[in-house]
Structure formats: structure tokens, C-alpha cells
Amino acid sequence: MQHVFHLTNGFVVPDETIVYPFLNSKDAKSEIPWDVSNLTSIAVGLIAPFTSSRIHVHPIVTLITWVIQGQLTIKMKDKDNPKPYEVQIGPEQAALIEPHTFLQHINRTDMVCRVLYIVSPAYVYLPSSETSKGYDDAIVLTYDWETLEKANWDLPELTDLTLLESTRATAITRLEAMKR
């Protein structure tokens, strides 16, 4: 396969950050051919100065957030830790976020933070339309950290993994029909 991949137009995603699909054939906004890769996807993200993403969870995919430029704090709560914790990463450093980890990207500096998102399996994104519901591998939450802790990290949005996997498979089928 002989392909050169370029950043596409960026857009604001539901967690309120900006993403530029780079190598993701399973993203409705990406111009990458459908059959390039199911194994992984790559996108560039921008987190504006003094802002943060909304708290979200990836129930199915594993995310690596790699800082290209700037400084980033990632607040997380994973299955192995009873309380949320923060990691600080800078240029050429990365954090691994496993499925079912609550996370929030936080830029506490006065500079834009540019990151590379590497996701496996390939990230699936299908926006809603007038006729059908969309799908996003991230479940963006309306809760704050205190509310999540009071709920013991047990949310109805995350309880039925079989339903989430089925909804994801349906979105992939719809994306394939759109892109072929």
C-alpha cells in the first residue's frame, strides 16, 4: 500500500476539544479510504489554553495521548485505583488510557497543547443525522468528578458492554456503506 496521509479539517468533538483526523478510516469526517486499517487510528488534537475536555470514557478502545507541543494534565480514574489521579505530560511524553477509564484532558497553561491520539482498535465516529442516531467511541459525561465518585463510578451509560459493542458494529456497517 502506497499512501501518504495528511491532516484533514479539524472539528470540535463532543468532549469540546478539536480533533484533526489523520489516519482513521472509521471516522465519518475523515477522507481516508475505508479499508486502510481497522487496527488503529491516529488524530491530532488541540486543547486550548486554560481549558479542559469534558470527562469521558472509552468503553471499548485503548487510547494513547502523546504530547507534540505544550503541557497536559490528564485526570483519570481507572479500575485499579479507588480515586482519581493526575499525570503530567510534556513534549514527547505519552499516557496510556485503557478502556473503561474515566478521563479528562486539562491544559493549565497559556499555550495551545497539541497532542497525537493513537487509538486501538480504530476509533469509530459517526455523527447524528436527521434520520439516524450517531455513534462515538467516547461516552462524554455530564457529571463532575465528585458526582461520579458518589455514584461509585457505576453509570447506566457503561453497564451494558454487549449493547455498546452491538451499537458500535452497527455504526461501522453504516460508515462502510457511506464510504464505499
Protein backbone atom coordinates (compact mmCIF):
# COMPACT_ATOMS: atom_id res chain seq x y z
CA MET A 1 0.00 0.00 0.00
CA GLN A 2 1.45 3.33 -1.02
CA HIS A 3 -0.34 6.15 0.76
CA VAL A 4 0.76 9.46 2.19
CA PHE A 5 -1.61 10.71 4.87
CA HIS A 6 -2.26 14.36 5.69
CA LEU A 7 -4.24 16.13 8.38
CA THR A 8 -7.82 16.77 7.39
CA ASN A 9 -10.04 19.62 8.53
CA GLY A 10 -10.41 19.80 12.28
CA PHE A 11 -13.72 19.80 14.10
CA VAL A 12 -14.95 20.15 17.65
CA VAL A 13 -15.78 16.76 19.13
CA PRO A 14 -18.34 16.11 21.89
CA ASP A 15 -15.70 16.37 24.64
CA GLU A 16 -15.24 20.01 23.46
CA THR A 17 -11.68 19.68 22.12
CA ILE A 18 -10.63 19.97 18.46
CA VAL A 19 -9.59 16.87 16.53
CA TYR A 20 -7.91 16.61 13.13
CA PRO A 21 -8.31 13.07 11.76
CA PHE A 22 -5.01 11.90 10.34
CA LEU A 23 -5.21 8.17 9.79
CA ASN A 24 -8.69 6.92 10.61
CA SER A 25 -10.83 5.22 8.03
CA LYS A 26 -13.64 4.62 10.57
CA ASP A 27 -14.37 8.31 11.12
CA ALA A 28 -17.18 9.88 9.08
CA LYS A 29 -15.24 13.15 8.89
CA SER A 30 -12.03 11.52 7.64
CA GLU A 31 -11.15 11.32 3.96
CA ILE A 32 -9.10 8.16 4.49
CA PRO A 33 -10.28 5.18 2.37
CA TRP A 34 -12.49 2.70 4.24
CA ASP A 35 -10.18 -0.30 4.07
CA VAL A 36 -6.90 1.31 5.19
CA SER A 37 -6.84 -0.03 8.76
CA ASN A 38 -9.14 -1.49 11.37
CA LEU A 39 -6.33 -1.96 13.86
CA THR A 40 -5.51 1.60 14.80
CA SER A 41 -6.28 5.23 14.15
CA ILE A 42 -4.33 8.44 14.61
CA ALA A 43 -5.55 12.02 15.02
CA VAL A 44 -4.07 15.31 16.12
CA GLY A 45 -5.87 17.10 18.93
CA LEU A 46 -5.75 20.67 20.18
CA ILE A 47 -6.54 21.64 23.74
CA ALA A 48 -6.83 25.41 24.03
CA PRO A 49 -5.04 27.34 26.81
CA PHE A 50 -6.70 27.19 30.23
CA THR A 51 -9.36 24.71 29.06
CA SER A 52 -10.18 21.08 29.53
CA SER A 53 -12.13 18.38 27.82
CA ARG A 54 -15.31 17.15 29.38
CA ILE A 55 -14.96 13.99 31.41
CA HIS A 56 -15.37 10.98 29.16
CA VAL A 57 -14.84 7.23 28.93
CA HIS A 58 -13.81 4.94 26.09
CA PRO A 59 -15.53 1.63 26.92
CA ILE A 60 -14.03 -0.32 24.00
CA VAL A 61 -10.85 1.33 22.71
CA THR A 62 -7.43 1.94 24.21
CA LEU A 63 -6.09 5.50 23.84
CA ILE A 64 -2.53 6.75 23.88
CA THR A 65 -2.27 10.53 24.26
CA TRP A 66 1.14 11.73 23.10
CA VAL A 67 2.08 15.40 23.56
CA ILE A 68 3.62 17.04 20.50
CA GLN A 69 3.76 20.57 21.91
CA GLY A 70 2.80 22.09 25.26
CA GLN A 71 1.99 20.61 28.64
CA LEU A 72 -1.01 18.46 29.50
CA THR A 73 -2.56 17.17 32.69
CA ILE A 74 -4.68 14.05 32.35
CA LYS A 75 -7.04 13.34 35.22
CA MET A 76 -8.03 9.67 35.29
CA LYS A 77 -9.84 7.08 37.32
CA ASP A 78 -9.16 3.50 36.25
CA LYS A 79 -10.24 0.14 37.63
CA ASP A 80 -7.01 -0.33 39.57
CA ASN A 81 -7.27 2.93 41.54
CA PRO A 82 -10.03 3.78 44.03
CA LYS A 83 -9.62 7.54 43.49
CA PRO A 84 -8.92 9.78 40.50
CA TYR A 85 -5.30 10.77 39.94
CA GLU A 86 -3.44 13.11 37.62
CA VAL A 87 -0.47 12.63 35.33
CA GLN A 88 1.51 15.49 33.82
CA ILE A 89 3.00 15.00 30.37
CA GLY A 90 5.02 17.26 28.14
CA PRO A 91 6.56 17.10 24.67
CA GLU A 92 7.46 13.60 23.52
CA GLN A 93 5.73 12.00 26.51
CA ALA A 94 2.62 9.86 26.42
CA ALA A 95 -0.05 8.42 28.67
CA LEU A 96 -1.87 5.13 28.12
CA ILE A 97 -5.60 5.17 28.86
CA GLU A 98 -7.18 1.74 28.96
CA PRO A 99 -10.86 1.01 28.23
CA HIS A 100 -13.31 2.00 30.99
CA THR A 101 -11.01 4.70 32.37
CA PHE A 102 -12.68 8.00 33.23
CA LEU A 103 -10.52 10.78 31.83
CA GLN A 104 -10.22 14.49 31.29
CA HIS A 105 -7.53 16.32 29.30
CA ILE A 106 -6.59 19.59 31.06
CA ASN A 107 -4.42 22.39 29.70
CA ARG A 108 -3.43 24.62 32.62
CA THR A 109 -1.00 26.72 30.57
CA ASP A 110 -1.28 29.80 28.35
CA MET A 111 -0.19 27.80 25.25
CA VAL A 112 -2.18 25.51 22.99
CA CYS A 113 -1.39 21.87 23.68
CA ARG A 114 -1.03 19.75 20.53
CA VAL A 115 -1.40 16.02 21.04
CA LEU A 116 -1.38 12.89 18.97
CA TYR A 117 -4.18 10.44 19.75
CA ILE A 118 -3.34 6.85 18.88
CA VAL A 119 -6.31 4.53 19.30
CA SER A 120 -6.72 0.76 19.03
CA PRO A 121 -8.86 -0.66 17.58
CA ALA A 122 -9.57 2.13 15.08
CA TYR A 123 -11.72 4.90 16.58
CA VAL A 124 -15.32 4.92 15.33
CA TYR A 125 -17.13 8.24 14.92
CA LEU A 126 -20.45 8.72 13.12
CA PRO A 127 -22.28 11.99 13.77
CA SER A 128 -26.04 12.01 14.22
CA SER A 129 -28.19 12.98 11.26
CA GLU A 130 -31.81 13.98 10.87
CA THR A 131 -32.71 10.35 10.23
CA SER A 132 -30.39 8.36 12.44
CA LYS A 133 -28.56 8.38 15.75
CA GLY A 134 -24.80 8.75 15.65
CA TYR A 135 -22.09 6.85 17.45
CA ASP A 136 -18.87 7.89 19.19
CA ASP A 137 -16.32 5.57 20.84
CA ALA A 138 -16.14 8.16 23.62
CA ILE A 139 -19.03 8.49 26.03
CA VAL A 140 -18.95 12.12 27.08
CA LEU A 141 -20.38 12.60 30.55
CA THR A 142 -22.39 15.42 32.07
CA TYR A 143 -21.16 14.56 35.56
CA ASP A 144 -18.31 16.15 37.53
CA TRP A 145 -15.68 14.12 39.40
CA GLU A 146 -17.49 14.42 42.75
CA THR A 147 -20.78 13.15 41.30
CA LEU A 148 -19.00 10.21 39.66
CA GLU A 149 -17.35 9.29 42.95
CA LYS A 150 -20.69 9.49 44.81
CA ALA A 151 -22.16 7.16 42.16
CA ASN A 152 -19.28 4.78 42.90
CA TRP A 153 -18.23 5.09 39.21
CA ASP A 154 -21.25 2.97 38.28
CA LEU A 155 -23.17 4.67 35.45
CA PRO A 156 -26.06 3.37 33.37
CA GLU A 157 -24.26 4.51 30.19
CA LEU A 158 -21.50 1.98 30.86
CA THR A 159 -23.29 -1.08 32.24
CA ASP A 160 -24.17 -2.99 29.05
CA LEU A 161 -20.94 -3.67 27.16
CA THR A 162 -22.73 -6.07 24.79
CA LEU A 163 -25.12 -3.28 23.75
CA LEU A 164 -22.21 -0.84 23.30
CA GLU A 165 -20.35 -3.36 21.11
CA SER A 166 -23.50 -4.00 19.06
CA THR A 167 -24.13 -0.27 18.60
CA ARG A 168 -20.51 0.16 17.52
CA ALA A 169 -20.80 -2.69 14.99
CA THR A 170 -23.95 -1.08 13.54
CA ALA A 171 -22.15 2.25 13.21
CA ILE A 172 -19.24 0.54 11.43
CA THR A 173 -21.68 -1.05 8.96
CA ARG A 174 -23.31 2.34 8.31
CA LEU A 175 -19.91 4.02 7.89
CA GLU A 176 -18.80 1.38 5.43
CA ALA A 177 -21.94 1.92 3.32
CA MET A 178 -21.32 5.70 3.36
CA LYS A 179 -17.65 5.49 2.45
CA ARG A 180 -17.73 2.81 -0.26
